[in-house]
PDB file of N, CA and C in Angstrom:
ATOM      1  N   GLU A   1       0.929  -1.057   0.076  1.00  0.00           N
ATOM      2  CA  GLU A   1      -0.039  -0.058  -0.059  1.00  0.00           C
ATOM      3  C   GLU A   1       0.596   1.103  -0.007  1.00  0.00           C
ATOM      4  N   GLN A   2       0.815   1.909  -0.923  1.00  0.00           N
ATOM      5  CA  GLN A   2       1.451   3.543  -1.072  1.00  0.00           C
ATOM      6  C   GLN A   2       0.813   4.610  -0.330  1.00  0.00           C
ATOM      7  N   PHE A   3       1.336   5.346   0.341  1.00  0.00           N
ATOM      8  CA  PHE A   3       0.824   6.418   1.090  1.00  0.00           C
ATOM      9  C   PHE A   3       1.617   7.723   0.495  1.00  0.00           C
ATOM     10  N   SER A   4       0.752   8.704   0.225  1.00  0.00           N
ATOM     11  CA  SER A   4       1.283  10.050  -0.170  1.00  0.00           C
ATOM     12  C   SER A   4       1.395  10.959   1.004  1.00  0.00           C
ATOM     13  N   ILE A   5       2.397  11.850   0.686  1.00  0.00           N
ATOM     14  CA  ILE A   5       2.662  12.705   1.575  1.00  0.00           C
ATOM     15  C   ILE A   5       1.682  13.860   2.208  1.00  0.00           C
ATOM     16  N   MET A   6       0.422  13.941   1.190  1.00  0.00           N
ATOM     17  CA  MET A   6      -0.561  14.779   1.486  1.00  0.00           C
ATOM     18  C   MET A   6      -1.527  14.251   2.634  1.00  0.00           C
ATOM     19  N   GLU A   7      -1.412  13.095   2.814  1.00  0.00           N
ATOM     20  CA  GLU A   7      -2.393  12.346   3.739  1.00  0.00           C
ATOM     21  C   GLU A   7      -2.264  12.689   5.290  1.00  0.00           C
ATOM     22  N   THR A   8      -3.170  13.024   5.993  1.00  0.00           N
ATOM     23  CA  THR A   8      -3.083  13.804   7.030  1.00  0.00           C
ATOM     24  C   THR A   8      -3.266  12.962   8.443  1.00  0.00           C
ATOM     25  N   ASP A   9      -3.836  11.673   8.183  1.00  0.00           N
ATOM     26  CA  ASP A   9      -4.082  10.549   9.330  1.00  0.00           C
ATOM     27  C   ASP A   9      -2.696  10.365   9.845  1.00  0.00           C
ATOM     28  N   LYS A  10      -2.455  10.581  11.352  1.00  0.00           N
ATOM     29  CA  LYS A  10      -1.381  10.546  11.924  1.00  0.00           C
ATOM     30  C   LYS A  10      -0.626   8.809  11.856  1.00  0.00           C
ATOM     31  N   SER A  11      -1.621   8.002  11.797  1.00  0.00           N
ATOM     32  CA  SER A  11      -1.156   6.420  11.912  1.00  0.00           C
ATOM     33  C   SER A  11      -0.473   6.327  10.281  1.00  0.00           C
ATOM     34  N   LYS A  12      -1.097   7.355   9.308  1.00  0.00           N
ATOM     35  CA  LYS A  12      -0.621   6.953   7.786  1.00  0.00           C
ATOM     36  C   LYS A  12       0.777   7.667   7.887  1.00  0.00           C
ATOM     37  N   MET A  13       0.894   8.897   8.564  1.00  0.00           N
ATOM     38  CA  MET A  13       2.076   9.541   8.274  1.00  0.00           C
ATOM     39  C   MET A  13       3.091   8.841   8.889  1.00  0.00           C
ATOM     40  N   ARG A  14       2.890   8.014  10.263  1.00  0.00           N
ATOM     41  CA  ARG A  14       3.886   6.927  10.502  1.00  0.00           C
ATOM     42  C   ARG A  14       4.450   5.869   9.615  1.00  0.00           C
ATOM     43  N   LYS A  15       3.469   5.225   8.845  1.00  0.00           N
ATOM     44  CA  LYS A  15       3.793   4.256   8.139  1.00  0.00           C
ATOM     45  C   LYS A  15       4.501   5.249   6.795  1.00  0.00           C
ATOM     46  N   ILE A  16       4.241   6.265   6.450  1.00  0.00           N
ATOM     47  CA  ILE A  16       5.102   6.717   5.308  1.00  0.00           C
ATOM     48  C   ILE A  16       6.584   7.052   5.935  1.00  0.00           C
ATOM     49  N   ALA A  17       7.081   7.308   7.059  1.00  0.00           N
ATOM     50  CA  ALA A  17       8.254   7.396   7.632  1.00  0.00           C
ATOM     51  C   ALA A  17       8.796   5.919   7.632  1.00  0.00           C
ATOM     52  N   LEU A  18       8.124   4.936   7.578  1.00  0.00           N
ATOM     53  CA  LEU A  18       8.779   3.487   7.829  1.00  0.00           C
ATOM     54  C   LEU A  18       8.849   2.577   6.355  1.00  0.00           C
ATOM     55  N   GLN A  19       7.995   3.055   5.444  1.00  0.00           N
ATOM     56  CA  GLN A  19       8.190   2.594   4.122  1.00  0.00           C
ATOM     57  C   GLN A  19       8.856   3.766   3.184  1.00  0.00           C
ATOM     58  N   PRO A  20       9.753   3.251   2.603  1.00  0.00           N
ATOM     59  CA  PRO A  20      10.715   4.142   1.705  1.00  0.00           C
ATOM     60  C   PRO A  20      10.121   4.261   0.462  1.00  0.00           C
ATOM     61  N   SER A  21       9.912   5.578  -0.147  1.00  0.00           N
ATOM     62  CA  SER A  21       9.308   5.682  -1.583  1.00  0.00           C
ATOM     63  C   SER A  21      10.090   5.358  -2.502  1.00  0.00           C
ATOM     64  N   SER A  22       9.834   5.067  -3.615  1.00  0.00           N
ATOM     65  CA  SER A  22      10.648   4.921  -4.635  1.00  0.00           C
ATOM     66  C   SER A  22      11.676   5.650  -4.826  1.00  0.00           C
ATOM     67  N   ILE A  23      11.591   6.649  -4.897  1.00  0.00           N
ATOM     68  CA  ILE A  23      12.732   7.632  -4.771  1.00  0.00           C
ATOM     69  C   ILE A  23      13.710   7.446  -3.901  1.00  0.00           C
ATOM     70  N   VAL A  24      13.544   7.138  -2.839  1.00  0.00           N
ATOM     71  CA  VAL A  24      14.445   6.796  -1.605  1.00  0.00           C
ATOM     72  C   VAL A  24      15.233   5.507  -1.937  1.00  0.00           C
ATOM     73  N   GLN A  25      14.382   4.378  -2.590  1.00  0.00           N
ATOM     74  CA  GLN A  25      14.909   3.271  -2.952  1.00  0.00           C
ATOM     75  C   GLN A  25      15.836   3.455  -4.055  1.00  0.00           C
ATOM     76  N   TYR A  26      15.435   4.132  -5.039  1.00  0.00           N
ATOM     77  CA  TYR A  26      16.470   4.451  -6.087  1.00  0.00           C
ATOM     78  C   TYR A  26      17.507   5.065  -5.740  1.00  0.00           C
ATOM     79  N   THR A  27      17.670   6.168  -5.113  1.00  0.00           N
ATOM     80  CA  THR A  27      18.930   6.703  -4.471  1.00  0.00           C
ATOM     81  C   THR A  27      19.807   6.061  -3.811  1.00  0.00           C
ATOM     82  N   ASN A  28      18.966   5.093  -2.792  1.00  0.00           N
ATOM     83  CA  ASN A  28      19.765   4.021  -1.969  1.00  0.00           C
ATOM     84  C   ASN A  28      20.555   3.252  -2.769  1.00  0.00           C
ATOM     85  N   GLU A  29      19.745   2.577  -3.849  1.00  0.00           N
ATOM     86  CA  GLU A  29      20.677   1.598  -4.591  1.00  0.00           C
ATOM     87  C   GLU A  29      21.592   2.232  -5.528  1.00  0.00           C
ATOM     88  N   ILE A  30      21.355   3.417  -5.846  1.00  0.00           N
ATOM     89  CA  ILE A  30      22.491   4.051  -6.706  1.00  0.00           C
ATOM     90  C   ILE A  30      23.509   4.653  -6.156  1.00  0.00           C
ATOM     91  N   SER A  31      23.645   5.113  -4.856  1.00  0.00           N
ATOM     92  CA  SER A  31      24.474   5.844  -4.031  1.00  0.00           C
ATOM     93  C   SER A  31      25.311   4.664  -3.093  1.00  0.00           C
ATOM     94  N   THR A  32      24.839   3.585  -3.008  1.00  0.00           N
ATOM     95  CA  THR A  32      25.737   2.285  -2.832  1.00  0.00           C
ATOM     96  C   THR A  32      26.719   1.609  -3.352  1.00  0.00           C
ATOM     97  N   THR A  33      26.489   1.969  -4.695  1.00  0.00           N
ATOM     98  CA  THR A  33      27.330   1.249  -5.902  1.00  0.00           C
ATOM     99  C   THR A  33      28.864   1.505  -5.560  1.00  0.00           C
ATOM    100  N   SER A  34      29.283   2.788  -4.863  1.00  0.00           N
ATOM    101  CA  SER A  34      30.547   2.933  -4.858  1.00  0.00           C
ATOM    102  C   SER A  34      31.131   2.825  -3.639  1.00  0.00           C
ATOM    103  N   PHE A  35      30.211   1.858  -2.724  1.00  0.00           N
ATOM    104  CA  PHE A  35      30.621   1.600  -1.582  1.00  0.00           C
ATOM    105  C   PHE A  35      31.895   0.572  -1.524  1.00  0.00           C
ATOM    106  N   THR A  36      32.817   0.556  -0.492  1.00  0.00           N
ATOM    107  CA  THR A  36      33.937  -0.096  -0.407  1.00  0.00           C
ATOM    108  C   THR A  36      33.358  -1.651   0.283  1.00  0.00           C
ATOM    109  N   PRO A  37      33.829  -2.515   0.417  1.00  0.00           N
ATOM    110  CA  PRO A  37      33.658  -3.746   1.137  1.00  0.00           C
ATOM    111  C   PRO A  37      33.015  -3.452   2.685  1.00  0.00           C
ATOM    112  N   LEU A  38      34.112  -2.623   3.255  1.00  0.00           N
ATOM    113  CA  LEU A  38      34.020  -2.113   4.748  1.00  0.00           C
ATOM    114  C   LEU A  38      32.855  -1.282   4.884  1.00  0.00           C
ATOM    115  N   GLN A  39      32.687  -0.320   4.195  1.00  0.00           N
ATOM    116  CA  GLN A  39      31.131   0.156   4.132  1.00  0.00           C
ATOM    117  C   GLN A  39      30.057  -0.654   3.961  1.00  0.00           C
ATOM    118  N   LYS A  40      29.963  -1.376   3.054  1.00  0.00           N
ATOM    119  CA  LYS A  40      28.953  -2.445   3.057  1.00  0.00           C
ATOM    120  C   LYS A  40      28.840  -3.146   4.267  1.00  0.00           C
ATOM    121  N   GLU A  41      29.990  -3.771   4.809  1.00  0.00           N
ATOM    122  CA  GLU A  41      29.714  -4.403   6.070  1.00  0.00           C
ATOM    123  C   GLU A  41      29.315  -3.576   7.076  1.00  0.00           C
ATOM    124  N   LEU A  42      29.832  -2.498   7.262  1.00  0.00           N
ATOM    125  CA  LEU A  42      29.231  -1.553   8.308  1.00  0.00           C
ATOM    126  C   LEU A  42      27.676  -1.355   8.170  1.00  0.00           C
ATOM    127  N   LEU A  43      27.078  -1.050   6.902  1.00  0.00           N
ATOM    128  CA  LEU A  43      25.880  -0.601   6.804  1.00  0.00           C
ATOM    129  C   LEU A  43      25.044  -1.915   6.982  1.00  0.00           C
ATOM    130  N   ASP A  44      25.387  -2.998   6.591  1.00  0.00           N
ATOM    131  CA  ASP A  44      24.541  -4.186   6.724  1.00  0.00           C
ATOM    132  C   ASP A  44      24.849  -4.624   8.361  1.00  0.00           C
ATOM    133  N   ALA A  45      25.631  -4.449   9.242  1.00  0.00           N
ATOM    134  CA  ALA A  45      25.652  -4.910  10.554  1.00  0.00           C
ATOM    135  C   ALA A  45      25.136  -3.789  11.344  1.00  0.00           C
ATOM    136  N   THR A  46      25.021  -2.582  10.730  1.00  0.00           N
ATOM    137  CA  THR A  46      24.090  -1.514  11.528  1.00  0.00           C
ATOM    138  C   THR A  46      22.846  -1.585  11.562  1.00  0.00           C
ATOM    139  N   LEU A  47      22.124  -1.927  10.049  1.00  0.00           N
ATOM    140  CA  LEU A  47      20.878  -2.320  10.039  1.00  0.00           C
ATOM    141  C   LEU A  47      20.324  -3.692  10.804  1.00  0.00           C
ATOM    142  N   GLU A  48      21.247  -4.587  10.929  1.00  0.00           N
ATOM    143  CA  GLU A  48      20.906  -5.824  11.141  1.00  0.00           C
ATOM    144  C   GLU A  48      20.927  -5.623  13.058  1.00  0.00           C
ATOM    145  N   HIS A  49      21.729  -5.052  13.469  1.00  0.00           N
ATOM    146  CA  HIS A  49      21.996  -5.101  15.084  1.00  0.00           C
ATOM    147  C   HIS A  49      21.688  -4.113  15.852  1.00  0.00           C
ATOM    148  N   ALA A  50      21.574  -2.466  15.183  1.00  0.00           N
ATOM    149  CA  ALA A  50      21.489  -1.345  16.076  1.00  0.00           C
ATOM    150  C   ALA A  50      20.097  -1.064  16.261  1.00  0.00           C
ATOM    151  N   ASP A  51      19.787  -0.929  17.543  1.00  0.00           N
ATOM    152  CA  ASP A  51      18.355  -0.530  17.914  1.00  0.00           C
ATOM    153  C   ASP A  51      17.841   0.582  16.989  1.00  0.00           C
ATOM    154  N   LEU A  52      18.537   1.657  16.942  1.00  0.00           N
ATOM    155  CA  LEU A  52      18.184   3.022  16.483  1.00  0.00           C
ATOM    156  C   LEU A  52      19.095   2.971  14.879  1.00  0.00           C
ATOM    157  N   SER A  53      18.684   2.192  14.072  1.00  0.00           N
ATOM    158  CA  SER A  53      19.324   2.061  12.781  1.00  0.00           C
ATOM    159  C   SER A  53      19.117   3.312  11.602  1.00  0.00           C
ATOM    160  N   ILE A  54      17.788   3.844  12.158  1.00  0.00           N
ATOM    161  CA  ILE A  54      17.386   4.813  11.455  1.00  0.00           C
ATOM    162  C   ILE A  54      18.328   6.324  11.509  1.00  0.00           C
ATOM    163  N   MET A  55      19.011   6.253  12.672  1.00  0.00           N
ATOM    164  CA  MET A  55      19.890   7.331  12.727  1.00  0.00           C
ATOM    165  C   MET A  55      21.065   7.262  11.929  1.00  0.00           C
ATOM    166  N   LEU A  56      21.468   6.230  11.199  1.00  0.00           N
ATOM    167  CA  LEU A  56      22.312   6.064  10.117  1.00  0.00           C
ATOM    168  C   LEU A  56      22.325   6.992   9.133  1.00  0.00           C
ATOM    169  N   GLY A  57      23.414   7.718   8.838  1.00  0.00           N
ATOM    170  CA  GLY A  57      23.011   8.805   7.676  1.00  0.00           C
ATOM    171  C   GLY A  57      22.718   8.070   6.533  1.00  0.00           C
ATOM    172  N   ALA A  58      22.076   8.872   5.591  1.00  0.00           N
ATOM    173  CA  ALA A  58      21.727   8.395   4.226  1.00  0.00           C
ATOM    174  C   ALA A  58      22.913   8.251   3.499  1.00  0.00           C
ATOM    175  N   SER A  59      23.013   7.003   2.358  1.00  0.00           N
ATOM    176  CA  SER A  59      24.141   6.832   1.532  1.00  0.00           C
ATOM    177  C   SER A  59      24.084   8.084   0.941  1.00  0.00           C
ATOM    178  N   GLU A  60      23.158   8.528   0.292  1.00  0.00           N
ATOM    179  CA  GLU A  60      23.102   9.544  -0.760  1.00  0.00           C
ATOM    180  C   GLU A  60      23.974  10.836  -0.298  1.00  0.00           C
ATOM    181  N   VAL A  61      23.812  11.203   1.013  1.00  0.00           N
ATOM    182  CA  VAL A  61      24.369  12.112   1.730  1.00  0.00           C
ATOM    183  C   VAL A  61      25.768  11.818   1.899  1.00  0.00           C
ATOM    184  N   HIS A  62      26.311  10.774   2.301  1.00  0.00           N
ATOM    185  CA  HIS A  62      27.715  10.097   2.218  1.00  0.00           C
ATOM    186  C   HIS A  62      28.275  10.598   0.513  1.00  0.00           C
ATOM    187  N   GLU A  63      27.497  10.089  -0.228  1.00  0.00           N
ATOM    188  CA  GLU A  63      28.035  10.406  -1.658  1.00  0.00           C
ATOM    189  C   GLU A  63      28.171  11.894  -1.899  1.00  0.00           C
ATOM    190  N   MET A  64      27.189  12.664  -1.564  1.00  0.00           N
ATOM    191  CA  MET A  64      27.243  14.119  -1.747  1.00  0.00           C
ATOM    192  C   MET A  64      28.518  14.835  -0.806  1.00  0.00           C
ATOM    193  N   GLY A  65      28.789  14.162   0.247  1.00  0.00           N
ATOM    194  CA  GLY A  65      30.026  14.808   1.007  1.00  0.00           C
ATOM    195  C   GLY A  65      31.326  14.381   0.390  1.00  0.00           C
ATOM    196  N   LYS A  66      31.345  13.039  -0.413  1.00  0.00           N
ATOM    197  CA  LYS A  66      32.616  12.804  -0.957  1.00  0.00           C
ATOM    198  C   LYS A  66      32.701  13.426  -2.171  1.00  0.00           C
ATOM    199  N   MET A  67      31.275  13.849  -2.834  1.00  0.00           N
ATOM    200  CA  MET A  67      31.779  14.693  -3.904  1.00  0.00           C
ATOM    201  C   MET A  67      32.340  16.114  -3.519  1.00  0.00           C
ATOM    202  N   MET A  68      31.697  16.742  -2.568  1.00  0.00           N
ATOM    203  CA  MET A  68      32.252  17.822  -2.027  1.00  0.00           C
ATOM    204  C   MET A  68      33.905  17.860  -1.771  1.00  0.00           C
ATOM    205  N   ILE A  69      34.086  16.743  -1.097  1.00  0.00           N
ATOM    206  CA  ILE A  69      35.503  16.755  -0.631  1.00  0.00           C
ATOM    207  C   ILE A  69      36.562  16.744  -2.081  1.00  0.00           C
ATOM    208  N   SER A  70      36.199  15.895  -3.189  1.00  0.00           N
ATOM    209  CA  SER A  70      36.561  15.938  -4.321  1.00  0.00           C
ATOM    210  C   SER A  70      36.845  17.154  -4.943  1.00  0.00           C
ATOM    211  N   LEU A  71      35.480  17.823  -5.187  1.00  0.00           N
ATOM    212  CA  LEU A  71      35.433  19.190  -5.850  1.00  0.00           C
ATOM    213  C   LEU A  71      36.447  20.350  -5.096  1.00  0.00           C
ATOM    214  N   ASN A  72      36.471  20.344  -3.933  1.00  0.00           N
ATOM    215  CA  ASN A  72      37.374  21.006  -3.027  1.00  0.00           C
ATOM    216  C   ASN A  72      38.821  20.719  -2.862  1.00  0.00           C
ATOM    217  N   LYS A  73      39.213  19.384  -3.447  1.00  0.00           N
ATOM    218  CA  LYS A  73      40.428  19.115  -3.306  1.00  0.00           C
ATOM    219  C   LYS A  73      40.865  19.027  -1.776  1.00  0.00           C
ATOM    220  N   SER A  74      39.880  18.563  -0.746  1.00  0.00           N
ATOM    221  CA  SER A  74      40.175  18.807   0.730  1.00  0.00           C
ATOM    222  C   SER A  74      41.284  17.502   1.061  1.00  0.00           C
ATOM    223  N   LYS A  75      42.180  18.132   2.036  1.00  0.00           N
ATOM    224  CA  LYS A  75      43.191  17.189   2.125  1.00  0.00           C
ATOM    225  C   LYS A  75      42.864  16.647   3.760  1.00  0.00           C
ATOM    226  N   LYS A  76      41.998  17.285   4.272  1.00  0.00           N
ATOM    227  CA  LYS A  76      41.489  17.062   5.687  1.00  0.00           C
ATOM    228  C   LYS A  76      40.020  17.264   6.131  1.00  0.00           C
ATOM    229  N   VAL A  77      39.472  16.455   6.776  1.00  0.00           N
ATOM    230  CA  VAL A  77      37.973  16.401   7.053  1.00  0.00           C
ATOM    231  C   VAL A  77      37.593  16.102   8.571  1.00  0.00           C
ATOM    232  N   LEU A  78      36.898  17.032   8.958  1.00  0.00           N
ATOM    233  CA  LEU A  78      36.514  17.010  10.507  1.00  0.00           C
ATOM    234  C   LEU A  78      35.109  16.535  10.295  1.00  0.00           C
ATOM    235  N   ASP A  79      34.631  15.118  11.016  1.00  0.00           N
ATOM    236  CA  ASP A  79      33.134  14.900  10.864  1.00  0.00           C
ATOM    237  C   ASP A  79      33.085  14.616  12.187  1.00  0.00           C
ATOM    238  N   ILE A  80      32.179  15.149  12.893  1.00  0.00           N
ATOM    239  CA  ILE A  80      31.453  15.218  14.024  1.00  0.00           C
ATOM    240  C   ILE A  80      30.566  14.204  13.919  1.00  0.00           C
ATOM    241  N   GLY A  81      30.703  12.772  14.189  1.00  0.00           N
ATOM    242  CA  GLY A  81      29.381  11.910  13.999  1.00  0.00           C
ATOM    243  C   GLY A  81      28.899  11.586  15.241  1.00  0.00           C
ATOM    244  N   THR A  82      27.730  10.891  15.421  1.00  0.00           N
ATOM    245  CA  THR A  82      26.980  10.595  16.439  1.00  0.00           C
ATOM    246  C   THR A  82      26.507   9.199  16.586  1.00  0.00           C
ATOM    247  N   PHE A  83      27.016   8.339  15.575  1.00  0.00           N
ATOM    248  CA  PHE A  83      26.237   7.033  15.589  1.00  0.00           C
ATOM    249  C   PHE A  83      27.627   5.946  15.213  1.00  0.00           C
ATOM    250  N   THR A  84      27.743   5.231  14.214  1.00  0.00           N
ATOM    251  CA  THR A  84      28.659   4.255  13.979  1.00  0.00           C
ATOM    252  C   THR A  84      29.774   4.526  13.112  1.00  0.00           C
ATOM    253  N   GLY A  85      30.007   5.989  12.843  1.00  0.00           N
ATOM    254  CA  GLY A  85      31.099   6.394  12.135  1.00  0.00           C
ATOM    255  C   GLY A  85      31.087   6.317  10.439  1.00  0.00           C
ATOM    256  N   ALA A  86      29.695   5.904   9.975  1.00  0.00           N
ATOM    257  CA  ALA A  86      29.778   5.434   8.624  1.00  0.00           C
ATOM    258  C   ALA A  86      30.155   6.797   7.836  1.00  0.00           C
ATOM    259  N   SER A  87      29.705   7.979   8.127  1.00  0.00           N
ATOM    260  CA  SER A  87      30.124   9.156   7.308  1.00  0.00           C
ATOM    261  C   SER A  87      31.770   9.332   7.443  1.00  0.00           C
ATOM    262  N   ALA A  88      32.158   9.175   8.420  1.00  0.00           N
ATOM    263  CA  ALA A  88      33.624   9.336   8.632  1.00  0.00           C
ATOM    264  C   ALA A  88      34.352   8.263   7.754  1.00  0.00           C
ATOM    265  N   LEU A  89      34.083   7.080   7.555  1.00  0.00           N
ATOM    266  CA  LEU A  89      34.369   6.162   6.859  1.00  0.00           C
ATOM    267  C   LEU A  89      34.318   6.415   5.255  1.00  0.00           C
ATOM    268  N   ALA A  90      33.224   6.949   4.919  1.00  0.00           N
ATOM    269  CA  ALA A  90      33.101   7.407   3.604  1.00  0.00           C
ATOM    270  C   ALA A  90      34.153   8.685   3.260  1.00  0.00           C
ATOM    271  N   PHE A  91      34.072   9.507   4.061  1.00  0.00           N
ATOM    272  CA  PHE A  91      34.710  10.789   3.511  1.00  0.00           C
ATOM    273  C   PHE A  91      36.224  10.473   3.965  1.00  0.00           C
ATOM    274  N   GLY A  92      36.737   9.458   4.957  1.00  0.00           N
ATOM    275  CA  GLY A  92      38.276   9.080   4.857  1.00  0.00           C
ATOM    276  C   GLY A  92      38.739   8.374   3.711  1.00  0.00           C
ATOM    277  N   ASN A  93      37.815   7.700   3.347  1.00  0.00           N
ATOM    278  CA  ASN A  93      38.044   7.097   1.954  1.00  0.00           C
ATOM    279  C   ASN A  93      38.152   8.033   0.671  1.00  0.00           C
ATOM    280  N   ARG A  94      37.886   8.896   0.751  1.00  0.00           N
ATOM    281  CA  ARG A  94      37.934  10.193  -0.436  1.00  0.00           C
ATOM    282  C   ARG A  94      38.883  10.847  -0.305  1.00  0.00           C
ATOM    283  N   THR A  95      39.482  11.071   0.999  1.00  0.00           N
ATOM    284  CA  THR A  95      40.786  11.974   1.148  1.00  0.00           C
ATOM    285  C   THR A  95      42.068  11.211   1.002  1.00  0.00           C
ATOM    286  N   PRO A  96      42.997  12.162   0.645  1.00  0.00           N
ATOM    287  CA  PRO A  96      44.101  11.557   0.091  1.00  0.00           C
ATOM    288  C   PRO A  96      45.021  10.890   1.419  1.00  0.00           C
ATOM    289  N   ARG A  97      45.622   9.905   1.145  1.00  0.00           N
ATOM    290  CA  ARG A  97      46.118   9.018   2.196  1.00  0.00           C
ATOM    291  C   ARG A  97      47.351   9.817   2.808  1.00  0.00           C
TER     292      ARG A  97
END
């Protein structure tokens, strides 16, 4: 059952948050193609074991951050994370060694 954002029933709004839309599914599939094996392992373990896996940063956000690092030719990145270090791992893979 698909729900639109315009529905106002609170129980349906909760279901919206829990059921990813087709655009979210698409961006998730596309943005995880460049993940390293370690990133994939961290993502899978977080989704399987973490109580609050919803706190995991969106993979498309990690990709955008990696693009910004490349475009700016950043040599150092400060990531103040709050969960598993997924964004720090993504950004660290993009910075020069």
